[in-house]
């Protein structure tokens, strides 16, 4: 199944072009730094109106377990207030890639675990980690995370190397490009 992810950078989306290209889902940036993305409500509404399956992602800047838990709490509150969906069909994703987190010396794997487990405790069943192939293979210790944690891997390549190298991990989505086509300048994703 093909899909895209969007944020405030994609204010005007070519929904018909996406459907014509076979896209079936969209993952919308819900926010970062405890602020709702200004295009979130519009993009969720338009995605629903165009029959897209939905997921959300939160861009993390946490450097402590407490902050990761607070980010999870914030996502829960926003989903309950604005979306009213306990388990988005394409998941809730913790976007772990901000350089400031790495330079802080924080235990990034523990941050990922805290976010996922906090939302799991609140009844969400599809909560995973989004990051680049590089971070997932050299920064985040995926073997220290629970086996049930799903991954969304960003690797602009002809194949998803993470799935090949970590066959026991649950890779649910592969982001294979940041430009589907000239008419569809969006991150392209494939859901397994």
C-alpha atoms as a PDB file:
ATOM      1  CA  UNK A   1       0.000   0.000   0.000  1.00  0.00           C
ATOM      2  CA  UNK A   2       1.385   3.406  -0.990  1.00  0.00           C
ATOM      3  CA  UNK A   3       1.096   6.607   0.980  1.00  0.00           C
ATOM      4  CA  UNK A   4       2.663   9.914   1.929  1.00  0.00           C
ATOM      5  CA  UNK A   5       3.487  11.896   5.032  1.00  0.00           C
ATOM      6  CA  UNK A   6       2.771  15.603   5.292  1.00  0.00           C
ATOM      7  CA  UNK A   7       3.418  18.572   7.554  1.00  0.00           C
ATOM      8  CA  UNK A   8       3.045  22.355   7.353  1.00  0.00           C
ATOM      9  CA  UNK A   9       5.470  22.272   4.405  1.00  0.00           C
ATOM     10  CA  UNK A  10       2.671  20.752   2.307  1.00  0.00           C
ATOM     11  CA  UNK A  11      -0.101  23.305   2.737  1.00  0.00           C
ATOM     12  CA  UNK A  12      -1.797  22.554  -0.579  1.00  0.00           C
ATOM     13  CA  UNK A  13      -2.051  18.843  -1.382  1.00  0.00           C
ATOM     14  CA  UNK A  14      -2.961  17.308  -4.732  1.00  0.00           C
ATOM     15  CA  UNK A  15      -5.352  14.686  -3.329  1.00  0.00           C
ATOM     16  CA  UNK A  16      -6.713  13.613  -6.717  1.00  0.00           C
ATOM     17  CA  UNK A  17      -3.198  13.181  -8.074  1.00  0.00           C
ATOM     18  CA  UNK A  18      -2.308  11.060  -5.060  1.00  0.00           C
ATOM     19  CA  UNK A  19      -5.368   8.849  -5.515  1.00  0.00           C
ATOM     20  CA  UNK A  20      -4.615   8.530  -9.240  1.00  0.00           C
ATOM     21  CA  UNK A  21      -1.076   7.425  -8.290  1.00  0.00           C
ATOM     22  CA  UNK A  22      -2.471   4.717  -6.021  1.00  0.00           C
ATOM     23  CA  UNK A  23      -1.850   6.373  -2.660  1.00  0.00           C
ATOM     24  CA  UNK A  24      -4.122   5.012   0.060  1.00  0.00           C
ATOM     25  CA  UNK A  25      -2.796   6.550   3.261  1.00  0.00           C
ATOM     26  CA  UNK A  26      -1.399   9.732   4.738  1.00  0.00           C
ATOM     27  CA  UNK A  27       0.566  10.259   7.932  1.00  0.00           C
ATOM     28  CA  UNK A  28       0.064  13.810   9.195  1.00  0.00           C
ATOM     29  CA  UNK A  29       2.443  15.670  11.491  1.00  0.00           C
ATOM     30  CA  UNK A  30       0.472  16.349  14.660  1.00  0.00           C
ATOM     31  CA  UNK A  31       3.096  18.633  16.173  1.00  0.00           C
ATOM     32  CA  UNK A  32       6.349  19.284  17.958  1.00  0.00           C
ATOM     33  CA  UNK A  33       7.410  21.156  21.088  1.00  0.00           C
ATOM     34  CA  UNK A  34       3.860  20.687  22.435  1.00  0.00           C
ATOM     35  CA  UNK A  35       2.409  22.774  19.602  1.00  0.00           C
ATOM     36  CA  UNK A  36      -0.184  21.545  17.129  1.00  0.00           C
ATOM     37  CA  UNK A  37       1.030  21.775  13.535  1.00  0.00           C
ATOM     38  CA  UNK A  38      -0.887  24.665  11.978  1.00  0.00           C
ATOM     39  CA  UNK A  39      -2.050  22.548   9.017  1.00  0.00           C
ATOM     40  CA  UNK A  40      -2.919  19.433  11.064  1.00  0.00           C
ATOM     41  CA  UNK A  41      -6.692  19.891  11.308  1.00  0.00           C
ATOM     42  CA  UNK A  42      -7.030  20.876   7.649  1.00  0.00           C
ATOM     43  CA  UNK A  43      -4.888  17.956   6.477  1.00  0.00           C
ATOM     44  CA  UNK A  44      -6.750  15.425   8.633  1.00  0.00           C
ATOM     45  CA  UNK A  45     -10.105  16.698   7.371  1.00  0.00           C
ATOM     46  CA  UNK A  46      -8.985  16.662   3.717  1.00  0.00           C
ATOM     47  CA  UNK A  47      -7.450  13.186   4.069  1.00  0.00           C
ATOM     48  CA  UNK A  48     -10.702  11.845   5.513  1.00  0.00           C
ATOM     49  CA  UNK A  49     -12.756  13.578   2.792  1.00  0.00           C
ATOM     50  CA  UNK A  50     -10.551  11.873   0.182  1.00  0.00           C
ATOM     51  CA  UNK A  51     -10.883   8.421   1.734  1.00  0.00           C
ATOM     52  CA  UNK A  52      -7.285   8.142   2.931  1.00  0.00           C
ATOM     53  CA  UNK A  53      -6.304   5.902   5.825  1.00  0.00           C
ATOM     54  CA  UNK A  54      -4.744   8.007   8.577  1.00  0.00           C
ATOM     55  CA  UNK A  55      -1.693   8.018  10.790  1.00  0.00           C
ATOM     56  CA  UNK A  56       0.026  10.778  12.766  1.00  0.00           C
ATOM     57  CA  UNK A  57       3.576  11.571  13.762  1.00  0.00           C
ATOM     58  CA  UNK A  58       5.100  13.729  16.469  1.00  0.00           C
ATOM     59  CA  UNK A  59       8.527  15.327  15.984  1.00  0.00           C
ATOM     60  CA  UNK A  60      10.413  14.836  19.248  1.00  0.00           C
ATOM     61  CA  UNK A  61      12.860  17.149  20.949  1.00  0.00           C
ATOM     62  CA  UNK A  62      12.837  15.264  24.266  1.00  0.00           C
ATOM     63  CA  UNK A  63      16.101  14.807  26.125  1.00  0.00           C
ATOM     64  CA  UNK A  64      14.724  13.055  29.231  1.00  0.00           C
ATOM     65  CA  UNK A  65      12.348  10.195  30.005  1.00  0.00           C
ATOM     66  CA  UNK A  66       9.952  12.687  31.612  1.00  0.00           C
ATOM     67  CA  UNK A  67       9.868  14.813  28.455  1.00  0.00           C
ATOM     68  CA  UNK A  68       9.215  11.760  26.260  1.00  0.00           C
ATOM     69  CA  UNK A  69       6.319  10.789  28.539  1.00  0.00           C
ATOM     70  CA  UNK A  70       4.991  14.365  28.442  1.00  0.00           C
ATOM     71  CA  UNK A  71       5.174  14.326  24.641  1.00  0.00           C
ATOM     72  CA  UNK A  72       3.146  11.095  24.640  1.00  0.00           C
ATOM     73  CA  UNK A  73       0.601  12.660  27.020  1.00  0.00           C
ATOM     74  CA  UNK A  74       0.329  15.681  24.733  1.00  0.00           C
ATOM     75  CA  UNK A  75      -0.246  13.500  21.646  1.00  0.00           C
ATOM     76  CA  UNK A  76      -2.969  11.597  23.526  1.00  0.00           C
ATOM     77  CA  UNK A  77      -4.699  14.852  24.463  1.00  0.00           C
ATOM     78  CA  UNK A  78      -4.593  16.178  20.899  1.00  0.00           C
ATOM     79  CA  UNK A  79      -5.903  12.959  19.407  1.00  0.00           C
ATOM     80  CA  UNK A  80      -8.777  12.869  21.871  1.00  0.00           C
ATOM     81  CA  UNK A  81      -9.626  16.530  21.347  1.00  0.00           C
ATOM     82  CA  UNK A  82      -9.242  16.873  17.591  1.00  0.00           C
ATOM     83  CA  UNK A  83      -9.413  13.446  16.007  1.00  0.00           C
ATOM     84  CA  UNK A  84     -11.459  11.365  18.422  1.00  0.00           C
ATOM     85  CA  UNK A  85      -9.698   8.207  17.277  1.00  0.00           C
ATOM     86  CA  UNK A  86      -7.964   6.023  19.848  1.00  0.00           C
ATOM     87  CA  UNK A  87      -5.951   4.011  17.334  1.00  0.00           C
ATOM     88  CA  UNK A  88      -5.267   5.665  13.969  1.00  0.00           C
ATOM     89  CA  UNK A  89      -5.233   2.931  11.327  1.00  0.00           C
ATOM     90  CA  UNK A  90      -1.718   3.776  10.105  1.00  0.00           C
ATOM     91  CA  UNK A  91      -0.373   4.353  13.603  1.00  0.00           C
ATOM     92  CA  UNK A  92       1.139   6.965  15.869  1.00  0.00           C
ATOM     93  CA  UNK A  93       4.804   7.565  15.127  1.00  0.00           C
ATOM     94  CA  UNK A  94       7.520   9.059  17.292  1.00  0.00           C
ATOM     95  CA  UNK A  95       9.792  10.987  14.921  1.00  0.00           C
ATOM     96  CA  UNK A  96      13.252  10.573  16.382  1.00  0.00           C
ATOM     97  CA  UNK A  97      15.814  12.443  14.300  1.00  0.00           C
ATOM     98  CA  UNK A  98      16.467  15.879  15.790  1.00  0.00           C
ATOM     99  CA  UNK A  99      20.238  16.493  16.078  1.00  0.00           C
ATOM    100  CA  UNK A 100      19.808  18.336  19.390  1.00  0.00           C
ATOM    101  CA  UNK A 101      18.626  15.100  21.018  1.00  0.00           C
ATOM    102  CA  UNK A 102      21.738  13.267  19.920  1.00  0.00           C
ATOM    103  CA  UNK A 103      24.073  16.078  20.973  1.00  0.00           C
ATOM    104  CA  UNK A 104      22.392  16.245  24.403  1.00  0.00           C
ATOM    105  CA  UNK A 105      23.780  12.828  25.305  1.00  0.00           C
ATOM    106  CA  UNK A 106      20.296  11.542  26.113  1.00  0.00           C
ATOM    107  CA  UNK A 107      19.568   7.817  26.052  1.00  0.00           C
ATOM    108  CA  UNK A 108      17.622   7.935  22.791  1.00  0.00           C
ATOM    109  CA  UNK A 109      16.504   4.318  23.013  1.00  0.00           C
ATOM    110  CA  UNK A 110      15.025   4.968  26.462  1.00  0.00           C
ATOM    111  CA  UNK A 111      13.189   8.021  25.115  1.00  0.00           C
ATOM    112  CA  UNK A 112      11.638   5.904  22.362  1.00  0.00           C
ATOM    113  CA  UNK A 113      10.609   3.259  24.865  1.00  0.00           C
ATOM    114  CA  UNK A 114       9.054   5.839  27.211  1.00  0.00           C
ATOM    115  CA  UNK A 115       6.951   7.415  24.450  1.00  0.00           C
ATOM    116  CA  UNK A 116       5.697   4.088  23.090  1.00  0.00           C
ATOM    117  CA  UNK A 117       4.971   2.537  26.486  1.00  0.00           C
ATOM    118  CA  UNK A 118       3.170   5.662  27.755  1.00  0.00           C
ATOM    119  CA  UNK A 119       0.749   5.572  24.820  1.00  0.00           C
ATOM    120  CA  UNK A 120       0.410   1.778  25.080  1.00  0.00           C
ATOM    121  CA  UNK A 121      -0.639   2.238  28.713  1.00  0.00           C
ATOM    122  CA  UNK A 122      -3.350   4.627  27.515  1.00  0.00           C
ATOM    123  CA  UNK A 123      -4.802   1.987  25.223  1.00  0.00           C
ATOM    124  CA  UNK A 124      -3.097   2.806  21.932  1.00  0.00           C
ATOM    125  CA  UNK A 125      -1.990  -0.369  20.169  1.00  0.00           C
ATOM    126  CA  UNK A 126      -0.177   0.918  17.058  1.00  0.00           C
ATOM    127  CA  UNK A 127       2.630   3.173  18.300  1.00  0.00           C
ATOM    128  CA  UNK A 128       6.037   3.056  16.669  1.00  0.00           C
ATOM    129  CA  UNK A 129       9.329   4.735  15.926  1.00  0.00           C
ATOM    130  CA  UNK A 130      10.121   6.744  12.797  1.00  0.00           C
ATOM    131  CA  UNK A 131      13.741   7.453  11.996  1.00  0.00           C
ATOM    132  CA  UNK A 132      16.390   7.228   9.330  1.00  0.00           C
ATOM    133  CA  UNK A 133      18.183   4.018   8.498  1.00  0.00           C
ATOM    134  CA  UNK A 134      21.326   5.594   9.969  1.00  0.00           C
ATOM    135  CA  UNK A 135      19.715   6.374  13.339  1.00  0.00           C
ATOM    136  CA  UNK A 136      18.002   2.984  13.516  1.00  0.00           C
ATOM    137  CA  UNK A 137      21.268   1.161  12.896  1.00  0.00           C
ATOM    138  CA  UNK A 138      23.736   3.351  14.807  1.00  0.00           C
ATOM    139  CA  UNK A 139      21.908   5.582  17.322  1.00  0.00           C
ATOM    140  CA  UNK A 140      18.782   3.727  18.489  1.00  0.00           C
ATOM    141  CA  UNK A 141      19.371   0.263  19.969  1.00  0.00           C
ATOM    142  CA  UNK A 142      16.418  -1.510  18.385  1.00  0.00           C
ATOM    143  CA  UNK A 143      17.292  -4.756  20.190  1.00  0.00           C
ATOM    144  CA  UNK A 144      16.672  -2.999  23.515  1.00  0.00           C
ATOM    145  CA  UNK A 145      13.152  -2.002  22.482  1.00  0.00           C
ATOM    146  CA  UNK A 146      10.208  -4.376  22.911  1.00  0.00           C
ATOM    147  CA  UNK A 147       9.709  -6.811  20.037  1.00  0.00           C
ATOM    148  CA  UNK A 148       6.196  -5.490  19.404  1.00  0.00           C
ATOM    149  CA  UNK A 149       7.439  -1.961  18.568  1.00  0.00           C
ATOM    150  CA  UNK A 150       6.877  -1.201  14.864  1.00  0.00           C
ATOM    151  CA  UNK A 151       9.275   0.853  12.759  1.00  0.00           C
ATOM    152  CA  UNK A 152       8.895   3.354   9.953  1.00  0.00           C
ATOM    153  CA  UNK A 153      12.267   3.525   8.211  1.00  0.00           C
ATOM    154  CA  UNK A 154      13.434   6.464   6.095  1.00  0.00           C
ATOM    155  CA  UNK A 155      15.968   5.291   3.545  1.00  0.00           C
ATOM    156  CA  UNK A 156      15.962   6.774   0.049  1.00  0.00           C
ATOM    157  CA  UNK A 157      17.166   3.685  -1.711  1.00  0.00           C
ATOM    158  CA  UNK A 158      16.045   0.997  -4.142  1.00  0.00           C
ATOM    159  CA  UNK A 159      15.344  -1.334  -1.210  1.00  0.00           C
ATOM    160  CA  UNK A 160      14.655  -1.274   2.519  1.00  0.00           C
ATOM    161  CA  UNK A 161      17.990  -2.434   3.957  1.00  0.00           C
ATOM    162  CA  UNK A 162      16.797  -2.207   7.569  1.00  0.00           C
ATOM    163  CA  UNK A 163      14.218  -4.959   6.978  1.00  0.00           C
ATOM    164  CA  UNK A 164      16.869  -7.144   5.392  1.00  0.00           C
ATOM    165  CA  UNK A 165      19.409  -6.571   8.171  1.00  0.00           C
ATOM    166  CA  UNK A 166      16.914  -6.793  11.059  1.00  0.00           C
ATOM    167  CA  UNK A 167      14.454  -9.458   9.901  1.00  0.00           C
ATOM    168  CA  UNK A 168      13.024  -9.999  13.394  1.00  0.00           C
ATOM    169  CA  UNK A 169      11.958  -6.345  13.719  1.00  0.00           C
ATOM    170  CA  UNK A 170       8.495  -5.196  12.668  1.00  0.00           C
ATOM    171  CA  UNK A 171       9.029  -2.757   9.838  1.00  0.00           C
ATOM    172  CA  UNK A 172       5.589  -1.468   8.929  1.00  0.00           C
ATOM    173  CA  UNK A 173       6.500   1.403   6.609  1.00  0.00           C
ATOM    174  CA  UNK A 174       9.427   2.264   4.373  1.00  0.00           C
ATOM    175  CA  UNK A 175       9.888   5.893   3.287  1.00  0.00           C
ATOM    176  CA  UNK A 176      11.685   5.431  -0.003  1.00  0.00           C
ATOM    177  CA  UNK A 177      11.727   8.982  -1.411  1.00  0.00           C
ATOM    178  CA  UNK A 178      11.191  12.627  -0.550  1.00  0.00           C
ATOM    179  CA  UNK A 179       9.721  13.317  -4.000  1.00  0.00           C
ATOM    180  CA  UNK A 180       7.136  10.910  -5.429  1.00  0.00           C
ATOM    181  CA  UNK A 181       7.059  12.822  -8.727  1.00  0.00           C
ATOM    182  CA  UNK A 182       7.168  16.367 -10.086  1.00  0.00           C
ATOM    183  CA  UNK A 183       3.374  16.527  -9.728  1.00  0.00           C
ATOM    184  CA  UNK A 184       3.482  14.886  -6.295  1.00  0.00           C
ATOM    185  CA  UNK A 185       6.377  16.458  -4.335  1.00  0.00           C
ATOM    186  CA  UNK A 186       5.762  14.444  -1.175  1.00  0.00           C
ATOM    187  CA  UNK A 187       7.608  11.834   0.873  1.00  0.00           C
ATOM    188  CA  UNK A 188       6.702   8.471  -0.626  1.00  0.00           C
ATOM    189  CA  UNK A 189       6.038   5.548   1.674  1.00  0.00           C
ATOM    190  CA  UNK A 190       5.181   1.889   1.310  1.00  0.00           C
ATOM    191  CA  UNK A 191       3.285   0.081   4.047  1.00  0.00           C
ATOM    192  CA  UNK A 192       3.909  -3.642   4.457  1.00  0.00           C
END
